[in-house]
Amino acid sequence: MKSDIATAEIAQPYAEALMSVAQSKNLTEQFGEDARSLLNLLSESEQLRNFLGNPFIQPETKKAVINQVLGEGANVYFRNFLLLLVDRRRILLLEPIFKQYLSLLRQLKQAVLAEVTSAVPLSEEQRQAVIEKVIAITNAREVELETKVDRELFGGVIIKVGSQVIDASLRGQLRRLSLRLSS
C-alpha cells in the first residue's frame, strides 16, 4: 500500500508536466490516445515491461527501443517526454504516470472512467445503455468505458465509477439473497 502511495506521489508531477506540455501545444487528446496505446502495449507485453523496468539495461538501448516502438510518426514532445523518463530513471513508472495523465485528461473534459465487468462481452447497445446510466448517476459530460469479462458473474454487470460500485450481476444478486436468507 505504501509503495503505491509513493509511486503515485512520484508519478503525479510527471503526469502534470506532460499535461502542461499537451495543453500548451493543444495536444491533450493526441497524448491521451498515445498514452492509451502504450498502456495497452505494456499490458499485453510482459517482455516490454520487464525490458523497460530492468535497471541493468543501458539507457541508450531503452531509448532505441522506445523510438522503434513509437515509429516515425510519433509526436516529438511525447517522444521527448519518454526519453526524459529514461534519462531520469523513471521509465519504470510509465504505467502510473500515464494512468495519472488520463485521470487529469478526464478531469479536464469533465469525464469519468467506468470500469464495467460483465459475464460476456457487451454489445454496442449494452455499452450505450451503461454510458447513459453512468451519465445519469454522475452528471458527467463523457464516459470512458473500461470493460472486462468475468465468466464467474453468470450474467449481468458490475459497474465501478470512482469509489461507487453498482453490482447488477447474477452472482451479486445470489450473494445478497443468501445473506437475507441466512439472517
N, C-alpha and C. Protein backbone atom coordinates (compact mmCIF):
# COMPACT_ATOMS: atom_id res chain seq x y z
N MET A 1 0.83 -1.20 0.00
CA MET A 1 0.00 0.00 0.00
C MET A 1 0.87 1.25 0.00
N LYS A 2 1.89 1.26 0.87
CA LYS A 2 2.76 2.42 0.96
C LYS A 2 3.50 2.67 -0.35
N SER A 3 3.93 1.57 -0.99
CA SER A 3 4.65 1.73 -2.25
C SER A 3 3.75 2.32 -3.33
N ASP A 4 2.44 1.96 -3.31
CA ASP A 4 1.50 2.53 -4.28
C ASP A 4 1.36 4.04 -4.06
N ILE A 5 1.32 4.45 -2.81
CA ILE A 5 1.21 5.88 -2.49
C ILE A 5 2.47 6.60 -2.92
N ALA A 6 3.62 6.02 -2.62
CA ALA A 6 4.89 6.63 -3.02
C ALA A 6 5.00 6.72 -4.54
N THR A 7 4.59 5.66 -5.21
CA THR A 7 4.61 5.65 -6.68
C THR A 7 3.71 6.75 -7.23
N ALA A 8 2.51 6.89 -6.65
CA ALA A 8 1.58 7.93 -7.11
C ALA A 8 2.16 9.32 -6.88
N GLU A 9 2.85 9.51 -5.77
CA GLU A 9 3.45 10.82 -5.49
C GLU A 9 4.57 11.14 -6.46
N ILE A 10 5.30 10.12 -6.89
CA ILE A 10 6.37 10.34 -7.86
C ILE A 10 5.78 10.55 -9.26
N ALA A 11 4.73 9.80 -9.59
CA ALA A 11 4.13 9.87 -10.93
C ALA A 11 3.38 11.17 -11.15
N GLN A 12 2.77 11.73 -10.12
CA GLN A 12 1.93 12.92 -10.24
C GLN A 12 2.63 14.10 -10.93
N PRO A 13 3.82 14.52 -10.47
CA PRO A 13 4.45 15.67 -11.15
C PRO A 13 4.78 15.41 -12.62
N TYR A 14 5.14 14.18 -12.96
CA TYR A 14 5.43 13.86 -14.36
C TYR A 14 4.16 13.92 -15.20
N ALA A 15 3.06 13.40 -14.64
CA ALA A 15 1.78 13.45 -15.36
C ALA A 15 1.34 14.90 -15.54
N GLU A 16 1.53 15.72 -14.52
CA GLU A 16 1.16 17.14 -14.62
C GLU A 16 2.04 17.86 -15.63
N ALA A 17 3.31 17.51 -15.67
CA ALA A 17 4.22 18.12 -16.65
C ALA A 17 3.81 17.75 -18.07
N LEU A 18 3.46 16.48 -18.27
CA LEU A 18 3.01 16.04 -19.60
C LEU A 18 1.73 16.76 -19.98
N MET A 19 0.82 16.93 -19.03
CA MET A 19 -0.43 17.65 -19.29
C MET A 19 -0.15 19.10 -19.63
N SER A 20 0.78 19.71 -18.94
CA SER A 20 1.13 21.11 -19.20
C SER A 20 1.65 21.28 -20.63
N VAL A 21 2.53 20.39 -21.04
CA VAL A 21 3.06 20.44 -22.41
C VAL A 21 1.92 20.20 -23.41
N ALA A 22 1.08 19.23 -23.12
CA ALA A 22 -0.02 18.90 -24.02
C ALA A 22 -0.98 20.08 -24.18
N GLN A 23 -1.29 20.75 -23.08
CA GLN A 23 -2.20 21.90 -23.15
C GLN A 23 -1.55 23.06 -23.90
N SER A 24 -0.28 23.29 -23.66
CA SER A 24 0.38 24.42 -24.32
C SER A 24 0.48 24.22 -25.83
N LYS A 25 0.53 22.97 -26.26
CA LYS A 25 0.63 22.66 -27.70
C LYS A 25 -0.72 22.20 -28.28
N ASN A 26 -1.79 22.24 -27.45
CA ASN A 26 -3.12 21.82 -27.87
C ASN A 26 -3.12 20.36 -28.36
N LEU A 27 -2.46 19.49 -27.58
CA LEU A 27 -2.33 18.08 -27.96
C LEU A 27 -2.85 17.14 -26.87
N THR A 28 -3.76 17.60 -26.01
CA THR A 28 -4.19 16.78 -24.88
C THR A 28 -4.83 15.47 -25.34
N GLU A 29 -5.68 15.52 -26.35
CA GLU A 29 -6.34 14.31 -26.83
C GLU A 29 -5.36 13.36 -27.51
N GLN A 30 -4.46 13.92 -28.33
CA GLN A 30 -3.49 13.07 -29.02
C GLN A 30 -2.59 12.38 -28.02
N PHE A 31 -2.14 13.10 -26.99
CA PHE A 31 -1.31 12.49 -25.95
C PHE A 31 -2.10 11.42 -25.21
N GLY A 32 -3.40 11.67 -25.00
CA GLY A 32 -4.25 10.68 -24.34
C GLY A 32 -4.34 9.39 -25.15
N GLU A 33 -4.52 9.53 -26.46
CA GLU A 33 -4.57 8.36 -27.33
C GLU A 33 -3.24 7.62 -27.33
N ASP A 34 -2.14 8.38 -27.40
CA ASP A 34 -0.81 7.76 -27.37
C ASP A 34 -0.58 7.03 -26.05
N ALA A 35 -0.99 7.65 -24.95
CA ALA A 35 -0.83 7.03 -23.63
C ALA A 35 -1.64 5.75 -23.54
N ARG A 36 -2.89 5.78 -24.03
CA ARG A 36 -3.72 4.57 -24.02
C ARG A 36 -3.09 3.46 -24.85
N SER A 37 -2.55 3.82 -26.01
CA SER A 37 -1.91 2.82 -26.88
C SER A 37 -0.72 2.18 -26.19
N LEU A 38 0.10 3.00 -25.55
CA LEU A 38 1.27 2.44 -24.87
C LEU A 38 0.87 1.62 -23.64
N LEU A 39 -0.17 2.05 -22.93
CA LEU A 39 -0.65 1.27 -21.79
C LEU A 39 -1.15 -0.10 -22.25
N ASN A 40 -1.87 -0.13 -23.38
CA ASN A 40 -2.33 -1.41 -23.94
C ASN A 40 -1.15 -2.28 -24.33
N LEU A 41 -0.14 -1.68 -24.94
CA LEU A 41 1.04 -2.42 -25.35
C LEU A 41 1.75 -2.99 -24.12
N LEU A 42 1.88 -2.19 -23.07
CA LEU A 42 2.54 -2.66 -21.85
C LEU A 42 1.74 -3.78 -21.17
N SER A 43 0.42 -3.67 -21.20
CA SER A 43 -0.39 -4.72 -20.57
C SER A 43 -0.32 -6.03 -21.35
N GLU A 44 -0.11 -5.94 -22.65
CA GLU A 44 -0.04 -7.14 -23.49
C GLU A 44 1.35 -7.75 -23.55
N SER A 45 2.38 -6.95 -23.29
CA SER A 45 3.74 -7.43 -23.47
C SER A 45 4.52 -7.39 -22.15
N GLU A 46 4.59 -8.54 -21.51
CA GLU A 46 5.37 -8.65 -20.28
C GLU A 46 6.85 -8.43 -20.59
N GLN A 47 7.26 -8.85 -21.76
CA GLN A 47 8.66 -8.71 -22.17
C GLN A 47 9.05 -7.23 -22.24
N LEU A 48 8.19 -6.38 -22.79
CA LEU A 48 8.47 -4.95 -22.87
C LEU A 48 8.51 -4.33 -21.48
N ARG A 49 7.54 -4.71 -20.61
CA ARG A 49 7.52 -4.21 -19.23
C ARG A 49 8.83 -4.56 -18.51
N ASN A 50 9.23 -5.81 -18.64
CA ASN A 50 10.47 -6.26 -17.98
C ASN A 50 11.69 -5.54 -18.54
N PHE A 51 11.70 -5.33 -19.85
CA PHE A 51 12.82 -4.65 -20.50
C PHE A 51 12.95 -3.22 -19.98
N LEU A 52 11.83 -2.48 -19.97
CA LEU A 52 11.89 -1.09 -19.53
C LEU A 52 12.20 -0.97 -18.04
N GLY A 53 11.75 -1.94 -17.25
CA GLY A 53 11.97 -1.90 -15.81
C GLY A 53 13.32 -2.43 -15.37
N ASN A 54 14.07 -3.03 -16.28
CA ASN A 54 15.36 -3.61 -15.93
C ASN A 54 16.42 -2.53 -15.76
N PRO A 55 16.95 -2.37 -14.54
CA PRO A 55 17.94 -1.31 -14.31
C PRO A 55 19.31 -1.59 -14.93
N PHE A 56 19.56 -2.83 -15.37
CA PHE A 56 20.85 -3.19 -15.93
C PHE A 56 20.96 -2.92 -17.42
N ILE A 57 19.85 -2.61 -18.06
CA ILE A 57 19.87 -2.30 -19.49
C ILE A 57 20.22 -0.83 -19.65
N GLN A 58 21.15 -0.57 -20.54
CA GLN A 58 21.65 0.79 -20.75
C GLN A 58 20.54 1.72 -21.24
N PRO A 59 20.55 2.97 -20.77
CA PRO A 59 19.54 3.94 -21.20
C PRO A 59 19.47 4.11 -22.72
N GLU A 60 20.60 4.07 -23.38
CA GLU A 60 20.60 4.25 -24.85
C GLU A 60 19.86 3.10 -25.54
N THR A 61 19.97 1.90 -24.99
CA THR A 61 19.26 0.75 -25.56
C THR A 61 17.76 0.92 -25.36
N LYS A 62 17.36 1.39 -24.17
CA LYS A 62 15.95 1.64 -23.90
C LYS A 62 15.41 2.72 -24.82
N LYS A 63 16.19 3.77 -25.03
CA LYS A 63 15.76 4.86 -25.92
C LYS A 63 15.57 4.34 -27.35
N ALA A 64 16.47 3.48 -27.80
CA ALA A 64 16.35 2.92 -29.15
C ALA A 64 15.07 2.11 -29.28
N VAL A 65 14.73 1.32 -28.26
CA VAL A 65 13.51 0.52 -28.30
C VAL A 65 12.29 1.43 -28.28
N ILE A 66 12.31 2.46 -27.46
CA ILE A 66 11.19 3.41 -27.40
C ILE A 66 10.99 4.06 -28.76
N ASN A 67 12.07 4.49 -29.38
CA ASN A 67 11.97 5.11 -30.71
C ASN A 67 11.41 4.12 -31.73
N GLN A 68 11.81 2.87 -31.61
CA GLN A 68 11.31 1.86 -32.54
C GLN A 68 9.83 1.59 -32.29
N VAL A 69 9.41 1.53 -31.03
CA VAL A 69 8.01 1.27 -30.70
C VAL A 69 7.13 2.43 -31.17
N LEU A 70 7.59 3.66 -30.96
CA LEU A 70 6.79 4.83 -31.34
C LEU A 70 6.70 5.00 -32.84
N GLY A 71 7.76 4.64 -33.56
CA GLY A 71 7.76 4.82 -35.01
C GLY A 71 8.07 6.25 -35.39
N GLU A 72 8.05 6.50 -36.69
CA GLU A 72 8.43 7.81 -37.21
C GLU A 72 7.36 8.88 -36.99
N GLY A 73 6.10 8.48 -36.96
CA GLY A 73 5.02 9.45 -36.90
C GLY A 73 4.69 9.98 -35.51
N ALA A 74 5.43 9.56 -34.50
CA ALA A 74 5.11 9.97 -33.13
C ALA A 74 5.40 11.45 -32.92
N ASN A 75 4.61 12.03 -32.05
CA ASN A 75 4.79 13.44 -31.71
C ASN A 75 6.14 13.64 -31.02
N VAL A 76 6.86 14.67 -31.43
CA VAL A 76 8.20 14.91 -30.90
C VAL A 76 8.17 15.22 -29.40
N TYR A 77 7.16 15.92 -28.91
CA TYR A 77 7.07 16.24 -27.48
C TYR A 77 6.80 14.98 -26.65
N PHE A 78 5.95 14.13 -27.18
CA PHE A 78 5.63 12.87 -26.49
C PHE A 78 6.87 11.99 -26.45
N ARG A 79 7.56 11.89 -27.57
CA ARG A 79 8.79 11.09 -27.65
C ARG A 79 9.83 11.63 -26.67
N ASN A 80 10.01 12.94 -26.65
CA ASN A 80 10.99 13.54 -25.76
C ASN A 80 10.64 13.31 -24.29
N PHE A 81 9.35 13.30 -23.98
CA PHE A 81 8.92 13.02 -22.61
C PHE A 81 9.36 11.61 -22.21
N LEU A 82 9.13 10.64 -23.08
CA LEU A 82 9.52 9.26 -22.78
C LEU A 82 11.04 9.14 -22.63
N LEU A 83 11.77 9.82 -23.49
CA LEU A 83 13.23 9.76 -23.40
C LEU A 83 13.73 10.43 -22.12
N LEU A 84 13.04 11.48 -21.70
CA LEU A 84 13.37 12.13 -20.43
C LEU A 84 13.15 11.16 -19.26
N LEU A 85 12.08 10.38 -19.33
CA LEU A 85 11.82 9.38 -18.28
C LEU A 85 12.95 8.36 -18.21
N VAL A 86 13.49 8.00 -19.36
CA VAL A 86 14.63 7.07 -19.38
C VAL A 86 15.83 7.74 -18.72
N ASP A 87 16.12 8.99 -19.09
CA ASP A 87 17.27 9.71 -18.52
C ASP A 87 17.15 9.86 -17.01
N ARG A 88 15.96 10.10 -16.54
CA ARG A 88 15.74 10.30 -15.09
C ARG A 88 15.51 8.99 -14.34
N ARG A 89 15.63 7.89 -15.05
CA ARG A 89 15.40 6.55 -14.47
C ARG A 89 14.00 6.40 -13.88
N ARG A 90 13.03 6.98 -14.58
CA ARG A 90 11.63 6.90 -14.16
C ARG A 90 10.78 6.15 -15.18
N ILE A 91 11.39 5.53 -16.16
CA ILE A 91 10.63 4.86 -17.21
C ILE A 91 9.84 3.68 -16.64
N LEU A 92 10.30 3.10 -15.53
CA LEU A 92 9.56 2.01 -14.92
C LEU A 92 8.24 2.50 -14.31
N LEU A 93 8.08 3.82 -14.17
CA LEU A 93 6.84 4.41 -13.68
C LEU A 93 5.92 4.86 -14.81
N LEU A 94 6.19 4.39 -16.01
CA LEU A 94 5.42 4.81 -17.17
C LEU A 94 3.93 4.53 -17.00
N GLU A 95 3.59 3.35 -16.51
CA GLU A 95 2.18 3.00 -16.35
C GLU A 95 1.46 3.93 -15.36
N PRO A 96 1.98 4.12 -14.14
CA PRO A 96 1.27 5.05 -13.23
C PRO A 96 1.25 6.49 -13.73
N ILE A 97 2.29 6.91 -14.43
CA ILE A 97 2.32 8.27 -14.98
C ILE A 97 1.21 8.43 -16.02
N PHE A 98 1.09 7.47 -16.93
CA PHE A 98 0.06 7.56 -17.97
C PHE A 98 -1.34 7.44 -17.38
N LYS A 99 -1.52 6.58 -16.38
CA LYS A 99 -2.83 6.48 -15.75
C LYS A 99 -3.21 7.80 -15.08
N GLN A 100 -2.23 8.44 -14.46
CA GLN A 100 -2.49 9.73 -13.83
C GLN A 100 -2.78 10.80 -14.89
N TYR A 101 -2.06 10.75 -16.01
CA TYR A 101 -2.31 11.69 -17.10
C TYR A 101 -3.74 11.53 -17.61
N LEU A 102 -4.17 10.28 -17.81
CA LEU A 102 -5.52 10.03 -18.31
C LEU A 102 -6.56 10.49 -17.29
N SER A 103 -6.25 10.38 -16.02
CA SER A 103 -7.14 10.89 -14.98
C SER A 103 -7.25 12.42 -15.07
N LEU A 104 -6.12 13.07 -15.27
CA LEU A 104 -6.12 14.54 -15.44
C LEU A 104 -6.89 14.94 -16.69
N LEU A 105 -6.75 14.16 -17.76
CA LEU A 105 -7.47 14.44 -19.01
C LEU A 105 -8.97 14.30 -18.80
N ARG A 106 -9.39 13.27 -18.04
CA ARG A 106 -10.81 13.11 -17.75
C ARG A 106 -11.34 14.29 -16.94
N GLN A 107 -10.56 14.77 -15.97
CA GLN A 107 -10.97 15.93 -15.18
C GLN A 107 -11.14 17.15 -16.08
N LEU A 108 -10.20 17.32 -16.99
CA LEU A 108 -10.23 18.45 -17.92
C LEU A 108 -11.48 18.40 -18.81
N LYS A 109 -11.85 17.20 -19.25
CA LYS A 109 -13.00 17.03 -20.14
C LYS A 109 -14.31 16.81 -19.38
N GLN A 110 -14.26 16.84 -18.05
CA GLN A 110 -15.41 16.54 -17.20
C GLN A 110 -15.99 15.18 -17.57
N ALA A 111 -15.10 14.20 -17.64
CA ALA A 111 -15.48 12.84 -17.98
C ALA A 111 -15.17 11.94 -16.79
N VAL A 112 -15.76 10.75 -16.80
CA VAL A 112 -15.48 9.77 -15.76
C VAL A 112 -15.08 8.45 -16.40
N LEU A 113 -14.35 7.66 -15.63
CA LEU A 113 -13.97 6.33 -16.07
C LEU A 113 -14.92 5.34 -15.40
N ALA A 114 -15.57 4.52 -16.19
CA ALA A 114 -16.45 3.48 -15.66
C ALA A 114 -15.82 2.13 -16.00
N GLU A 115 -15.50 1.37 -14.95
CA GLU A 115 -14.95 0.04 -15.14
C GLU A 115 -16.12 -0.93 -15.11
N VAL A 116 -16.36 -1.59 -16.22
CA VAL A 116 -17.52 -2.48 -16.37
C VAL A 116 -17.04 -3.91 -16.50
N THR A 117 -17.51 -4.75 -15.58
CA THR A 117 -17.19 -6.18 -15.64
C THR A 117 -18.49 -6.91 -15.96
N SER A 118 -18.44 -7.75 -17.00
CA SER A 118 -19.63 -8.48 -17.42
C SER A 118 -19.28 -9.94 -17.66
N ALA A 119 -20.31 -10.78 -17.71
CA ALA A 119 -20.10 -12.22 -17.93
C ALA A 119 -19.72 -12.51 -19.38
N VAL A 120 -20.23 -11.70 -20.29
CA VAL A 120 -19.94 -11.83 -21.72
C VAL A 120 -19.59 -10.45 -22.27
N PRO A 121 -18.90 -10.38 -23.41
CA PRO A 121 -18.61 -9.07 -23.98
C PRO A 121 -19.90 -8.29 -24.26
N LEU A 122 -19.86 -6.99 -24.01
CA LEU A 122 -21.04 -6.15 -24.19
C LEU A 122 -21.25 -5.82 -25.66
N SER A 123 -22.53 -5.80 -26.06
CA SER A 123 -22.87 -5.35 -27.41
C SER A 123 -22.81 -3.82 -27.41
N GLU A 124 -22.90 -3.25 -28.58
CA GLU A 124 -22.85 -1.78 -28.69
C GLU A 124 -24.05 -1.15 -27.98
N GLU A 125 -25.23 -1.78 -28.08
CA GLU A 125 -26.41 -1.24 -27.40
C GLU A 125 -26.23 -1.29 -25.88
N GLN A 126 -25.64 -2.38 -25.39
CA GLN A 126 -25.40 -2.50 -23.95
C GLN A 126 -24.37 -1.47 -23.48
N ARG A 127 -23.34 -1.27 -24.27
CA ARG A 127 -22.33 -0.26 -23.92
C ARG A 127 -22.99 1.12 -23.83
N GLN A 128 -23.85 1.42 -24.79
CA GLN A 128 -24.54 2.71 -24.80
C GLN A 128 -25.45 2.85 -23.58
N ALA A 129 -26.15 1.77 -23.21
CA ALA A 129 -27.02 1.80 -22.04
C ALA A 129 -26.22 2.04 -20.76
N VAL A 130 -25.04 1.42 -20.66
CA VAL A 130 -24.18 1.63 -19.49
C VAL A 130 -23.70 3.08 -19.45
N ILE A 131 -23.31 3.62 -20.60
CA ILE A 131 -22.85 5.01 -20.67
C ILE A 131 -23.96 5.95 -20.20
N GLU A 132 -25.17 5.73 -20.70
CA GLU A 132 -26.30 6.59 -20.31
C GLU A 132 -26.59 6.49 -18.82
N LYS A 133 -26.50 5.29 -18.27
CA LYS A 133 -26.73 5.08 -16.83
C LYS A 133 -25.66 5.82 -16.01
N VAL A 134 -24.41 5.72 -16.42
CA VAL A 134 -23.32 6.39 -15.70
C VAL A 134 -23.45 7.90 -15.79
N ILE A 135 -23.84 8.41 -16.95
CA ILE A 135 -24.05 9.86 -17.10
C ILE A 135 -25.18 10.32 -16.17
N ALA A 136 -26.24 9.53 -16.09
CA ALA A 136 -27.36 9.88 -15.20
C ALA A 136 -26.93 9.90 -13.74
N ILE A 137 -26.07 8.97 -13.36
CA ILE A 137 -25.63 8.88 -11.97
C ILE A 137 -24.63 9.99 -11.62
N THR A 138 -23.69 10.26 -12.52
CA THR A 138 -22.57 11.15 -12.21
C THR A 138 -22.70 12.57 -12.74
N ASN A 139 -23.62 12.82 -13.67
CA ASN A 139 -23.74 14.12 -14.34
C ASN A 139 -22.47 14.51 -15.09
N ALA A 140 -21.72 13.52 -15.56
CA ALA A 140 -20.51 13.78 -16.33
C ALA A 140 -20.88 14.11 -17.77
N ARG A 141 -19.99 14.80 -18.45
CA ARG A 141 -20.22 15.10 -19.87
C ARG A 141 -19.93 13.89 -20.75
N GLU A 142 -18.88 13.15 -20.37
CA GLU A 142 -18.47 11.99 -21.15
C GLU A 142 -18.18 10.83 -20.21
N VAL A 143 -18.26 9.63 -20.77
CA VAL A 143 -17.93 8.43 -20.01
C VAL A 143 -16.94 7.62 -20.83
N GLU A 144 -15.86 7.22 -20.17
CA GLU A 144 -14.87 6.36 -20.79
C GLU A 144 -15.05 4.98 -20.19
N LEU A 145 -15.34 3.99 -21.04
CA LEU A 145 -15.58 2.63 -20.55
C LEU A 145 -14.31 1.80 -20.61
N GLU A 146 -14.08 1.07 -19.53
CA GLU A 146 -13.01 0.08 -19.50
C GLU A 146 -13.70 -1.24 -19.18
N THR A 147 -13.78 -2.13 -20.15
CA THR A 147 -14.57 -3.35 -19.99
C THR A 147 -13.68 -4.56 -19.72
N LYS A 148 -14.21 -5.46 -18.89
CA LYS A 148 -13.55 -6.74 -18.60
C LYS A 148 -14.62 -7.81 -18.64
N VAL A 149 -14.21 -9.03 -18.97
CA VAL A 149 -15.14 -10.16 -18.97
C VAL A 149 -14.73 -11.09 -17.83
N ASP A 150 -15.73 -11.46 -16.99
CA ASP A 150 -15.53 -12.39 -15.88
C ASP A 150 -16.64 -13.43 -15.97
N ARG A 151 -16.31 -14.60 -16.46
CA ARG A 151 -17.30 -15.66 -16.68
C ARG A 151 -17.97 -16.11 -15.38
N GLU A 152 -17.37 -15.83 -14.23
CA GLU A 152 -17.94 -16.25 -12.95
C GLU A 152 -19.14 -15.41 -12.52
N LEU A 153 -19.43 -14.33 -13.24
CA LEU A 153 -20.58 -13.50 -12.89
C LEU A 153 -21.91 -14.17 -13.26
N PHE A 154 -21.89 -15.11 -14.17
CA PHE A 154 -23.06 -15.82 -14.69
C PHE A 154 -23.93 -14.93 -15.57
N GLY A 155 -24.10 -13.69 -15.23
CA GLY A 155 -24.92 -12.76 -16.00
C GLY A 155 -24.90 -11.39 -15.34
N GLY A 156 -25.35 -10.39 -16.06
CA GLY A 156 -25.40 -9.03 -15.51
C GLY A 156 -24.05 -8.33 -15.60
N VAL A 157 -23.95 -7.19 -14.91
CA VAL A 157 -22.73 -6.40 -14.94
C VAL A 157 -22.43 -5.83 -13.55
N ILE A 158 -21.15 -5.48 -13.38
CA ILE A 158 -20.71 -4.71 -12.21
C ILE A 158 -20.09 -3.45 -12.79
N ILE A 159 -20.59 -2.30 -12.34
CA ILE A 159 -20.10 -1.02 -12.84
C ILE A 159 -19.43 -0.31 -11.67
N LYS A 160 -18.17 0.09 -11.88
CA LYS A 160 -17.43 0.82 -10.85
C LYS A 160 -17.05 2.19 -11.41
N VAL A 161 -17.52 3.24 -10.72
CA VAL A 161 -17.18 4.62 -11.10
C VAL A 161 -16.59 5.26 -9.85
N GLY A 162 -15.28 5.49 -9.88
CA GLY A 162 -14.63 6.02 -8.68
C GLY A 162 -14.75 5.00 -7.56
N SER A 163 -15.30 5.43 -6.43
CA SER A 163 -15.47 4.52 -5.29
C SER A 163 -16.88 3.91 -5.26
N GLN A 164 -17.73 4.30 -6.19
CA GLN A 164 -19.11 3.80 -6.24
C GLN A 164 -19.17 2.53 -7.09
N VAL A 165 -19.80 1.49 -6.54
CA VAL A 165 -19.93 0.22 -7.25
C VAL A 165 -21.41 -0.14 -7.36
N ILE A 166 -21.84 -0.45 -8.58
CA ILE A 166 -23.21 -0.91 -8.83
C ILE A 166 -23.10 -2.36 -9.26
N ASP A 167 -23.54 -3.25 -8.39
CA ASP A 167 -23.45 -4.68 -8.66
C ASP A 167 -24.80 -5.18 -9.15
N ALA A 168 -24.95 -5.28 -10.46
CA ALA A 168 -26.18 -5.79 -11.05
C ALA A 168 -25.91 -7.16 -11.68
N SER A 169 -24.97 -7.88 -11.06
CA SER A 169 -24.62 -9.20 -11.58
C SER A 169 -25.48 -10.27 -10.93
N LEU A 170 -25.62 -11.38 -11.60
CA LEU A 170 -26.36 -12.51 -11.05
C LEU A 170 -25.65 -13.05 -9.81
N ARG A 171 -24.33 -13.09 -9.84
CA ARG A 171 -23.56 -13.55 -8.68
C ARG A 171 -23.83 -12.66 -7.47
N GLY A 172 -23.87 -11.34 -7.69
CA GLY A 172 -24.14 -10.39 -6.61
C GLY A 172 -25.55 -10.55 -6.06
N GLN A 173 -26.50 -10.75 -6.95
CA GLN A 173 -27.90 -10.95 -6.52
C GLN A 173 -28.03 -12.23 -5.70
N LEU A 174 -27.36 -13.30 -6.13
CA LEU A 174 -27.39 -14.56 -5.37
C LEU A 174 -26.74 -14.39 -4.01
N ARG A 175 -25.65 -13.66 -3.94
CA ARG A 175 -24.97 -13.41 -2.67
C ARG A 175 -25.87 -12.62 -1.72
N ARG A 176 -26.55 -11.57 -2.23
CA ARG A 176 -27.45 -10.78 -1.40
C ARG A 176 -28.63 -11.62 -0.91
N LEU A 177 -29.17 -12.46 -1.79
CA LEU A 177 -30.26 -13.34 -1.42
C LEU A 177 -29.82 -14.31 -0.33
N SER A 178 -28.63 -14.86 -0.48
CA SER A 178 -28.09 -15.77 0.53
C SER A 178 -27.93 -15.09 1.88
N LEU A 179 -27.46 -13.85 1.88
CA LEU A 179 -27.31 -13.11 3.13
C LEU A 179 -28.65 -12.86 3.78
N ARG A 180 -29.67 -12.51 2.99
CA ARG A 180 -31.00 -12.28 3.53
C ARG A 180 -31.60 -13.55 4.13
N LEU A 181 -31.38 -14.66 3.44
CA LEU A 181 -31.93 -15.92 3.91
C LEU A 181 -31.22 -16.41 5.17
N SER A 182 -29.95 -16.14 5.30
CA SER A 182 -29.19 -16.61 6.46
C SER A 182 -29.44 -15.75 7.70
N SER A 183 -29.95 -14.54 7.52
CA SER A 183 -30.20 -13.69 8.70
C SER A 183 -31.63 -13.61 9.05
